[in-house]
C-alpha cells in the first residue's frame, strides 16, 4: 500500500513531468525473452532502516549495455562502497540507481531511455548468473528516501488504483 501511495502522490504532484514521463523502460535490453529475468525481487524494509533489498536484481551478461530507465540527469557515476554505480535523477523527484556498471556517462549529463549508461560488470553478490544488474528506485532526497519497486514503474506494468475505503 505504501508503494501505491508513493506512486500516486508522485504522479499527482510531479510538475512539470507528466505521468507518462515517470513510467520507465527496462534497463537491460534486448534479452532473448524480451523481458529480463528477475533473480531477486524488491523487499523494502519496514521501517526504512531495517535490512531488506532496496531494488531488484536482473540477470544479464558481462559487458552488456545498461540503459537509463527514463529521461533524466546523471547525478553519480563512480565507485561507492567498492562497487561501480550510476545514479540518475528523473523528473518529479525519482532517482534510479544501477550497479555494478562501468560508467560511460558523467555527472551532469542528460540522458534518455535510449542512452547507455555503461556496461554491466561481474561481481554482484548473490547473482546466480555470470552478471546481474541491481536496479533501484527511490522518491525524494537520499537522506530520507522512500525506496520503491522499480518494476511497478515500468511502462509495461498496468497502473491499477485501489479505493481508499475498501
Protein backbone atom coordinates (compact mmCIF):
# COMPACT_ATOMS: atom_id res chain seq x y z
CA UNK A 1 0.00 0.00 0.00
CA UNK A 2 2.87 2.36 0.83
CA UNK A 3 4.24 1.91 -2.72
CA UNK A 4 0.84 2.70 -4.26
CA UNK A 5 0.51 5.87 -2.18
CA UNK A 6 4.05 7.00 -3.11
CA UNK A 7 3.44 6.42 -6.82
CA UNK A 8 0.01 8.08 -6.71
CA UNK A 9 1.34 11.13 -4.86
CA UNK A 10 4.34 11.42 -7.17
CA UNK A 11 2.18 11.13 -10.28
CA UNK A 12 -0.28 13.69 -8.94
CA UNK A 13 2.31 16.18 -7.67
CA UNK A 14 5.04 15.85 -10.27
CA UNK A 15 5.25 19.08 -12.17
CA UNK A 16 6.21 19.65 -14.90
CA UNK A 17 6.59 15.91 -15.59
CA UNK A 18 3.60 14.08 -17.00
CA UNK A 19 2.55 10.68 -15.70
CA UNK A 20 3.93 9.07 -18.85
CA UNK A 21 7.36 10.67 -18.29
CA UNK A 22 7.53 8.88 -14.93
CA UNK A 23 6.99 5.45 -16.50
CA UNK A 24 10.23 3.54 -17.00
CA UNK A 25 11.79 1.20 -19.57
CA UNK A 26 13.81 -1.93 -18.79
CA UNK A 27 17.50 -1.01 -18.21
CA UNK A 28 18.70 -4.28 -19.81
CA UNK A 29 17.71 -4.80 -23.44
CA UNK A 30 17.45 -6.65 -25.62
CA UNK A 31 17.17 -10.00 -23.91
CA UNK A 32 16.21 -13.29 -25.59
CA UNK A 33 12.81 -13.50 -23.86
CA UNK A 34 12.09 -9.79 -24.40
CA UNK A 35 11.96 -9.21 -20.64
CA UNK A 36 14.92 -9.54 -18.23
CA UNK A 37 14.73 -12.32 -15.65
CA UNK A 38 14.41 -11.08 -12.07
CA UNK A 39 16.76 -13.13 -9.90
CA UNK A 40 15.96 -11.29 -6.66
CA UNK A 41 12.81 -9.26 -6.03
CA UNK A 42 12.31 -5.98 -4.18
CA UNK A 43 11.95 -6.41 -0.41
CA UNK A 44 11.61 -2.95 1.07
CA UNK A 45 12.30 -2.87 4.79
CA UNK A 46 9.81 -1.56 7.33
CA UNK A 47 10.96 0.63 8.99
CA UNK A 48 13.33 2.00 6.34
CA UNK A 49 16.50 1.47 8.39
CA UNK A 50 15.96 -2.31 8.72
CA UNK A 51 17.56 -4.95 6.48
CA UNK A 52 15.97 -5.54 3.09
CA UNK A 53 16.58 -5.48 -0.64
CA UNK A 54 16.01 -1.95 -1.95
CA UNK A 55 15.80 -2.83 -5.62
CA UNK A 56 15.62 -5.78 -7.99
CA UNK A 57 18.38 -7.91 -9.47
CA UNK A 58 18.13 -8.61 -13.22
CA UNK A 59 20.12 -11.39 -14.89
CA UNK A 60 22.38 -10.06 -17.64
CA UNK A 61 25.69 -10.77 -19.29
CA UNK A 62 29.12 -9.31 -18.57
CA UNK A 63 29.71 -6.31 -20.83
CA UNK A 64 26.01 -5.94 -21.69
CA UNK A 65 24.92 -2.30 -22.14
CA UNK A 66 22.88 -0.83 -19.30
CA UNK A 67 20.42 1.89 -20.33
CA UNK A 68 18.78 4.72 -18.41
CA UNK A 69 15.27 3.61 -17.49
CA UNK A 70 13.93 7.04 -18.47
CA UNK A 71 14.94 10.61 -19.23
CA UNK A 72 16.92 12.44 -16.59
CA UNK A 73 20.30 13.70 -15.45
CA UNK A 74 23.22 11.59 -14.23
CA UNK A 75 23.97 12.60 -10.63
CA UNK A 76 26.60 9.98 -9.80
CA UNK A 77 28.93 7.79 -11.84
CA UNK A 78 31.73 6.19 -9.88
CA UNK A 79 32.63 3.74 -7.15
CA UNK A 80 30.53 3.61 -4.00
CA UNK A 81 31.33 1.14 -1.20
CA UNK A 82 33.66 -0.70 -3.58
CA UNK A 83 31.06 -1.12 -6.33
CA UNK A 84 30.71 0.82 -9.61
CA UNK A 85 27.38 2.69 -9.51
CA UNK A 86 25.45 5.07 -11.78
CA UNK A 87 22.52 7.14 -10.43
CA UNK A 88 20.05 9.17 -12.49
CA UNK A 89 17.59 11.84 -11.32
CA UNK A 90 14.32 11.78 -13.27
CA UNK A 91 11.52 14.38 -13.47
CA UNK A 92 9.23 14.50 -10.45
CA UNK A 93 11.80 13.53 -7.81
CA UNK A 94 12.50 9.92 -8.81
CA UNK A 95 16.09 8.62 -8.67
CA UNK A 96 17.21 5.30 -10.16
CA UNK A 97 20.48 3.50 -9.49
CA UNK A 98 22.34 0.80 -11.39
CA UNK A 99 25.19 -1.44 -10.15
CA UNK A 100 27.71 -2.89 -10.92
CA UNK A 101 28.04 -0.69 -14.00
CA UNK A 102 31.28 0.59 -15.55
CA UNK A 103 30.08 4.09 -16.41
CA UNK A 104 30.37 5.69 -19.84
CA UNK A 105 28.47 8.78 -18.64
CA UNK A 106 29.43 11.58 -16.26
CA UNK A 107 27.55 13.57 -13.59
CA UNK A 108 25.52 16.41 -15.07
CA UNK A 109 24.98 14.59 -18.36
CA UNK A 110 21.40 14.50 -19.68
CA UNK A 111 20.19 11.03 -20.67
CA UNK A 112 17.12 9.47 -22.29
CA UNK A 113 15.77 5.93 -22.13
CA UNK A 114 17.86 5.14 -25.22
CA UNK A 115 21.10 6.33 -23.54
CA UNK A 116 23.60 3.69 -22.49
CA UNK A 117 24.92 4.46 -19.00
CA UNK A 118 27.73 1.93 -19.19
CA UNK A 119 28.44 -1.79 -19.25
CA UNK A 120 27.34 -4.45 -16.78
CA UNK A 121 30.21 -5.96 -14.79
CA UNK A 122 30.57 -9.27 -12.99
CA UNK A 123 30.59 -9.45 -9.24
CA UNK A 124 27.14 -8.72 -7.85
CA UNK A 125 26.81 -10.72 -4.61
CA UNK A 126 24.20 -13.46 -4.73
CA UNK A 127 23.88 -13.41 -8.52
CA UNK A 128 23.09 -16.89 -9.91
CA UNK A 129 24.49 -15.96 -13.37
CA UNK A 130 27.70 -14.50 -14.80
CA UNK A 131 26.36 -10.98 -14.13
CA UNK A 132 23.33 -9.34 -12.53
CA UNK A 133 22.20 -5.72 -12.52
CA UNK A 134 20.94 -4.33 -9.23
CA UNK A 135 18.34 -1.72 -10.22
CA UNK A 136 16.92 0.52 -7.53
CA UNK A 137 14.42 3.39 -7.42
CA UNK A 138 13.55 5.93 -4.74
CA UNK A 139 11.46 9.06 -4.32
CA UNK A 140 12.93 12.08 -2.59
CA UNK A 141 16.41 13.00 -1.35
CA UNK A 142 18.74 10.18 -0.36
CA UNK A 143 18.76 11.22 3.33
CA UNK A 144 15.07 10.35 3.68
CA UNK A 145 14.32 8.39 0.52
CA UNK A 146 11.27 6.23 0.04
CA UNK A 147 12.53 3.15 -1.80
CA UNK A 148 10.09 1.65 -4.29
CA UNK A 149 9.98 -1.41 -6.52
CA UNK A 150 11.13 -0.20 -9.96
CA UNK A 151 9.11 -2.96 -11.64
CA UNK A 152 5.92 -1.13 -10.61
CA UNK A 153 7.07 1.93 -12.57
CA UNK A 154 7.61 0.13 -15.88
CA UNK A 155 5.59 1.21 -18.91
CA UNK A 156 4.65 -2.46 -19.33
CA UNK A 157 3.14 -2.64 -15.81
CA UNK A 158 -0.54 -1.61 -15.76
CA UNK A 159 -1.45 1.02 -13.18
CA UNK A 160 -4.39 -0.01 -11.00
CA UNK A 161 -5.54 2.22 -8.18
CA UNK A 162 -7.36 0.76 -5.19
CA UNK A 163 -10.15 2.64 -3.39
CA UNK A 164 -9.13 4.46 -0.22
CA UNK A 165 -12.12 2.99 1.64
CA UNK A 166 -12.49 -0.69 0.72
